[in-house]
N, C-alpha and C. Protein backbone atom coordinates (compact mmCIF):
# COMPACT_ATOMS: atom_id res chain seq x y z
N MET A 1 -16.35 25.07 -26.55
CA MET A 1 -16.38 23.32 -25.87
C MET A 1 -15.48 22.78 -25.97
N ILE A 2 -15.20 22.69 -26.90
CA ILE A 2 -13.29 22.39 -27.12
C ILE A 2 -12.23 23.13 -25.74
N PHE A 3 -12.46 24.27 -25.42
CA PHE A 3 -12.15 25.03 -23.91
C PHE A 3 -12.26 24.13 -23.03
N ASN A 4 -13.45 24.30 -22.61
CA ASN A 4 -13.86 23.53 -21.78
C ASN A 4 -12.71 22.40 -21.41
N SER A 5 -12.87 21.63 -21.95
CA SER A 5 -12.25 20.62 -22.68
C SER A 5 -10.55 20.10 -21.82
N ILE A 6 -9.65 20.56 -22.47
CA ILE A 6 -8.94 21.53 -22.45
C ILE A 6 -8.73 21.84 -21.48
N LYS A 7 -9.56 22.61 -20.28
CA LYS A 7 -9.30 23.60 -18.79
C LYS A 7 -9.36 21.88 -18.09
N LEU A 8 -10.69 20.70 -18.12
CA LEU A 8 -10.33 20.11 -17.58
C LEU A 8 -10.03 19.12 -17.64
N VAL A 9 -8.88 19.04 -18.15
CA VAL A 9 -8.19 17.89 -18.52
C VAL A 9 -6.73 18.56 -17.57
N SER A 10 -6.08 19.93 -18.01
CA SER A 10 -5.31 20.30 -17.70
C SER A 10 -5.11 19.80 -15.64
N ARG A 11 -6.60 20.19 -15.85
CA ARG A 11 -6.75 20.50 -14.91
C ARG A 11 -6.49 18.74 -13.99
N PHE A 12 -7.09 17.87 -14.77
CA PHE A 12 -6.77 16.45 -14.16
C PHE A 12 -5.26 16.34 -14.23
N ILE A 13 -4.27 16.40 -14.59
CA ILE A 13 -2.81 16.60 -15.09
C ILE A 13 -2.64 17.06 -13.37
N LEU A 14 -2.53 17.86 -13.61
CA LEU A 14 -2.06 19.05 -12.69
C LEU A 14 -2.25 18.47 -11.03
N ALA A 15 -3.57 17.85 -10.60
CA ALA A 15 -4.36 16.64 -10.04
C ALA A 15 -3.32 15.44 -9.26
N ILE A 16 -2.78 14.62 -10.69
CA ILE A 16 -2.54 13.71 -10.56
C ILE A 16 -1.16 13.91 -10.05
N LEU A 17 0.20 14.96 -11.08
CA LEU A 17 0.68 15.69 -10.47
C LEU A 17 1.43 16.11 -9.05
N LEU A 18 0.84 16.60 -8.25
CA LEU A 18 0.89 17.45 -7.27
C LEU A 18 0.40 15.52 -6.23
N VAL A 19 -0.80 15.08 -6.75
CA VAL A 19 -0.58 13.53 -5.60
C VAL A 19 0.87 12.39 -5.74
N SER A 20 0.64 12.57 -7.00
CA SER A 20 1.81 11.59 -7.19
C SER A 20 3.63 12.47 -6.53
N SER A 21 3.06 13.76 -6.20
CA SER A 21 4.59 14.56 -5.72
C SER A 21 4.36 13.99 -3.93
N VAL A 22 3.01 14.22 -3.59
CA VAL A 22 2.93 14.09 -2.59
C VAL A 22 3.39 12.30 -1.65
N THR A 23 3.20 11.55 -2.44
CA THR A 23 3.70 10.36 -2.87
C THR A 23 4.79 10.00 -2.81
N ALA A 24 5.27 10.40 -3.35
CA ALA A 24 7.12 10.29 -2.86
C ALA A 24 7.85 10.98 -2.21
N MET A 25 7.49 12.03 -1.68
CA MET A 25 7.80 12.48 -0.58
C MET A 25 8.11 11.34 0.59
N ALA A 26 6.52 11.45 0.39
CA ALA A 26 6.05 10.89 1.65
C ALA A 26 6.83 9.06 1.67
N GLN A 27 7.88 8.32 1.19
CA GLN A 27 8.16 7.81 0.28
C GLN A 27 9.53 7.44 1.44
N ASP A 28 10.30 8.40 2.55
CA ASP A 28 12.15 9.14 2.24
C ASP A 28 11.90 7.55 3.23
N GLY A 29 12.98 6.90 2.73
CA GLY A 29 13.71 5.71 3.83
C GLY A 29 14.74 5.98 4.06
N THR A 30 14.94 6.96 4.47
CA THR A 30 15.77 7.48 4.67
C THR A 30 17.09 6.90 6.33
N ILE A 31 17.43 6.55 7.15
CA ILE A 31 17.50 5.73 7.98
C ILE A 31 18.83 7.22 9.29
N TYR A 32 18.50 6.93 10.08
CA TYR A 32 19.26 8.27 10.78
C TYR A 32 19.43 7.78 11.83
N PRO A 33 20.60 7.28 11.81
CA PRO A 33 21.54 6.90 12.72
C PRO A 33 20.50 7.35 14.83
N LEU A 34 20.02 6.31 15.60
CA LEU A 34 20.22 7.17 16.91
C LEU A 34 20.88 5.93 18.01
N LYS A 35 21.06 6.88 19.41
CA LYS A 35 21.74 6.31 20.46
C LYS A 35 21.10 5.50 21.38
N ALA A 36 21.58 4.26 21.51
CA ALA A 36 20.33 3.61 22.49
C ALA A 36 20.18 3.74 23.71
N PRO A 37 17.81 4.13 23.76
CA PRO A 37 17.83 4.29 24.91
C PRO A 37 17.97 3.73 26.36
N ALA A 38 18.01 4.70 27.21
CA ALA A 38 18.00 3.69 28.18
C ALA A 38 16.74 3.60 29.05
N GLU A 39 17.01 2.20 29.34
CA GLU A 39 15.22 1.74 29.10
C GLU A 39 15.92 1.33 31.38
N PRO A 40 15.76 1.82 32.10
CA PRO A 40 15.57 1.58 33.36
C PRO A 40 14.49 0.68 33.47
N ASN A 41 13.44 0.52 33.22
CA ASN A 41 12.13 0.12 33.47
C ASN A 41 12.36 -1.24 32.32
N ALA A 42 13.32 -1.73 31.80
CA ALA A 42 13.28 -3.14 31.37
C ALA A 42 13.28 -4.77 31.18
N ILE A 43 12.54 -5.57 31.32
CA ILE A 43 12.57 -6.50 32.11
C ILE A 43 13.27 -7.49 31.37
N PRO A 44 14.35 -7.94 31.97
CA PRO A 44 15.07 -9.47 31.45
C PRO A 44 14.32 -10.44 31.07
N LEU A 45 14.30 -11.68 29.99
CA LEU A 45 13.54 -12.36 29.57
C LEU A 45 14.92 -13.91 29.58
N GLY A 46 15.84 -13.21 29.53
CA GLY A 46 17.13 -14.23 30.67
C GLY A 46 17.00 -15.27 29.29
N THR A 47 17.44 -15.43 28.23
CA THR A 47 17.51 -16.21 26.68
C THR A 47 18.50 -16.13 26.49
N GLY A 48 19.69 -15.37 27.04
CA GLY A 48 20.23 -15.65 26.47
C GLY A 48 20.70 -15.09 25.62
N GLY A 49 22.33 -14.45 25.15
CA GLY A 49 23.09 -13.54 23.65
C GLY A 49 22.62 -14.47 23.30
N VAL A 50 23.43 -13.93 21.65
CA VAL A 50 23.41 -14.33 20.48
C VAL A 50 24.36 -14.81 21.03
N LYS A 51 25.35 -15.64 20.72
CA LYS A 51 26.01 -16.95 19.72
C LYS A 51 26.61 -16.25 18.23
N SER A 52 27.85 -15.49 17.81
CA SER A 52 28.53 -15.00 16.67
C SER A 52 27.47 -14.67 15.78
N GLN A 53 27.13 -12.96 16.86
CA GLN A 53 26.46 -11.98 15.93
C GLN A 53 27.42 -10.81 15.73
N LYS A 54 27.42 -10.70 14.32
CA LYS A 54 28.12 -10.08 13.41
C LYS A 54 28.80 -9.30 13.77
N ALA A 55 27.10 -8.38 13.87
CA ALA A 55 27.51 -7.17 13.82
C ALA A 55 26.12 -6.48 15.24
N PRO A 56 26.89 -5.95 15.38
CA PRO A 56 25.65 -4.62 16.42
C PRO A 56 24.45 -4.72 16.47
N GLU A 57 24.08 -4.33 18.38
CA GLU A 57 23.46 -4.27 17.89
C GLU A 57 22.80 -2.25 17.51
N THR A 58 22.10 -1.89 16.76
CA THR A 58 22.28 -0.52 16.67
C THR A 58 20.77 0.18 16.14
N TRP A 59 19.93 1.42 16.41
CA TRP A 59 19.21 2.22 16.55
C TRP A 59 19.59 2.92 15.66
N PHE A 60 17.83 2.99 15.37
CA PHE A 60 17.75 4.21 14.62
C PHE A 60 16.52 4.26 13.91
N ARG A 61 16.54 5.62 13.08
CA ARG A 61 14.95 6.59 13.06
C ARG A 61 14.45 5.47 11.21
N GLN A 62 13.52 5.28 11.09
CA GLN A 62 12.76 5.91 9.89
C GLN A 62 12.11 5.61 9.51
N TRP A 63 11.70 6.17 8.93
CA TRP A 63 9.75 6.23 8.27
C TRP A 63 8.99 7.17 9.59
N GLY A 64 9.96 8.15 10.21
CA GLY A 64 9.45 8.83 11.75
C GLY A 64 9.25 7.53 13.27
N ASP A 65 10.31 6.54 12.95
CA ASP A 65 9.64 5.75 13.88
C ASP A 65 11.05 5.47 14.63
N PRO A 66 10.83 5.64 16.03
CA PRO A 66 12.42 4.69 16.23
C PRO A 66 12.16 2.74 15.99
N MET A 67 13.94 2.31 16.07
CA MET A 67 13.42 0.55 15.06
C MET A 67 14.48 0.24 15.61
N ALA A 68 15.25 -1.34 16.25
CA ALA A 68 15.77 -0.94 16.04
C ALA A 68 16.39 -2.72 15.94
N ARG A 69 17.34 -2.75 15.53
CA ARG A 69 18.61 -4.13 14.47
C ARG A 69 19.16 -4.71 15.53
N ASN A 70 19.03 -6.40 14.88
CA ASN A 70 20.88 -6.51 15.40
C ASN A 70 20.59 -6.72 17.90
N ILE A 71 18.77 -7.22 17.62
CA ILE A 71 19.21 -7.40 19.46
C ILE A 71 19.90 -8.42 19.72
N SER A 72 20.53 -7.44 20.91
CA SER A 72 21.23 -8.61 21.79
C SER A 72 20.84 -9.62 22.83
N THR A 73 19.98 -8.73 23.69
CA THR A 73 19.79 -9.37 24.84
C THR A 73 18.41 -8.74 24.69
N ALA A 74 17.63 -9.65 25.04
CA ALA A 74 15.92 -9.77 24.62
C ALA A 74 15.36 -9.28 26.06
N THR A 75 15.13 -7.78 25.79
CA THR A 75 13.85 -7.67 26.95
C THR A 75 13.03 -6.83 26.51
N LEU A 76 11.53 -6.93 28.08
CA LEU A 76 10.47 -6.68 27.49
C LEU A 76 10.16 -4.87 27.98
N THR A 77 9.90 -3.81 28.07
CA THR A 77 9.64 -2.91 28.55
C THR A 77 8.60 -2.08 28.73
N PRO A 78 7.77 -2.65 29.74
CA PRO A 78 6.50 -1.83 29.91
C PRO A 78 5.82 -0.76 30.37
N SER A 79 5.30 -0.50 29.21
CA SER A 79 4.36 1.23 29.01
C SER A 79 3.76 1.37 30.01
N CYS A 80 2.98 0.67 30.75
CA CYS A 80 1.54 1.38 30.93
C CYS A 80 1.68 0.43 32.99
N LEU A 81 2.08 -0.78 32.68
CA LEU A 81 2.20 -1.18 33.51
C LEU A 81 3.18 -0.83 34.90
N PRO A 82 3.37 0.04 36.23
CA PRO A 82 3.55 0.32 36.35
C PRO A 82 4.65 -0.26 37.32
N LYS A 83 4.27 -1.94 38.44
CA LYS A 83 4.83 -2.62 39.13
C LYS A 83 5.27 -3.75 38.32
N ALA A 84 5.32 -4.16 36.86
CA ALA A 84 5.47 -5.19 36.46
C ALA A 84 7.27 -5.37 36.24
N ARG A 85 7.94 -4.28 36.50
CA ARG A 85 9.63 -4.99 37.40
C ARG A 85 9.61 -5.88 38.39
N GLN A 86 8.52 -4.45 39.83
CA GLN A 86 8.59 -5.46 40.65
C GLN A 86 8.22 -7.05 40.72
N MET A 87 6.54 -6.97 39.94
CA MET A 87 6.24 -8.08 40.23
C MET A 87 6.83 -9.43 39.29
N ALA A 88 8.23 -8.67 38.59
CA ALA A 88 8.35 -10.17 37.09
C ALA A 88 10.07 -10.24 38.47
N GLN A 89 10.06 -9.86 39.21
CA GLN A 89 11.29 -10.28 40.36
C GLN A 89 11.22 -10.47 41.96
N PRO A 90 11.33 -11.71 41.66
CA PRO A 90 11.23 -12.43 43.33
C PRO A 90 11.33 -11.45 44.39
């Protein structure tokens, strides 16, 4: 009976260690720099620039997703409306 209890506890501890190691690896918040993507279909919103912006616009990948920081020009990039740019321009 004691042997089964020890076996059960050791398996439980092993399972906890495996789960905690996987979650620790999933929390990689490393920032990888990216070049700004070309946006030929971007629709400018005409909101003007940012005055006295201290840091330039930067693009990076974090947690597997591309992200941008310090956006200097506001735009919309349509992904499912092929004629959106034509409709927005008079």
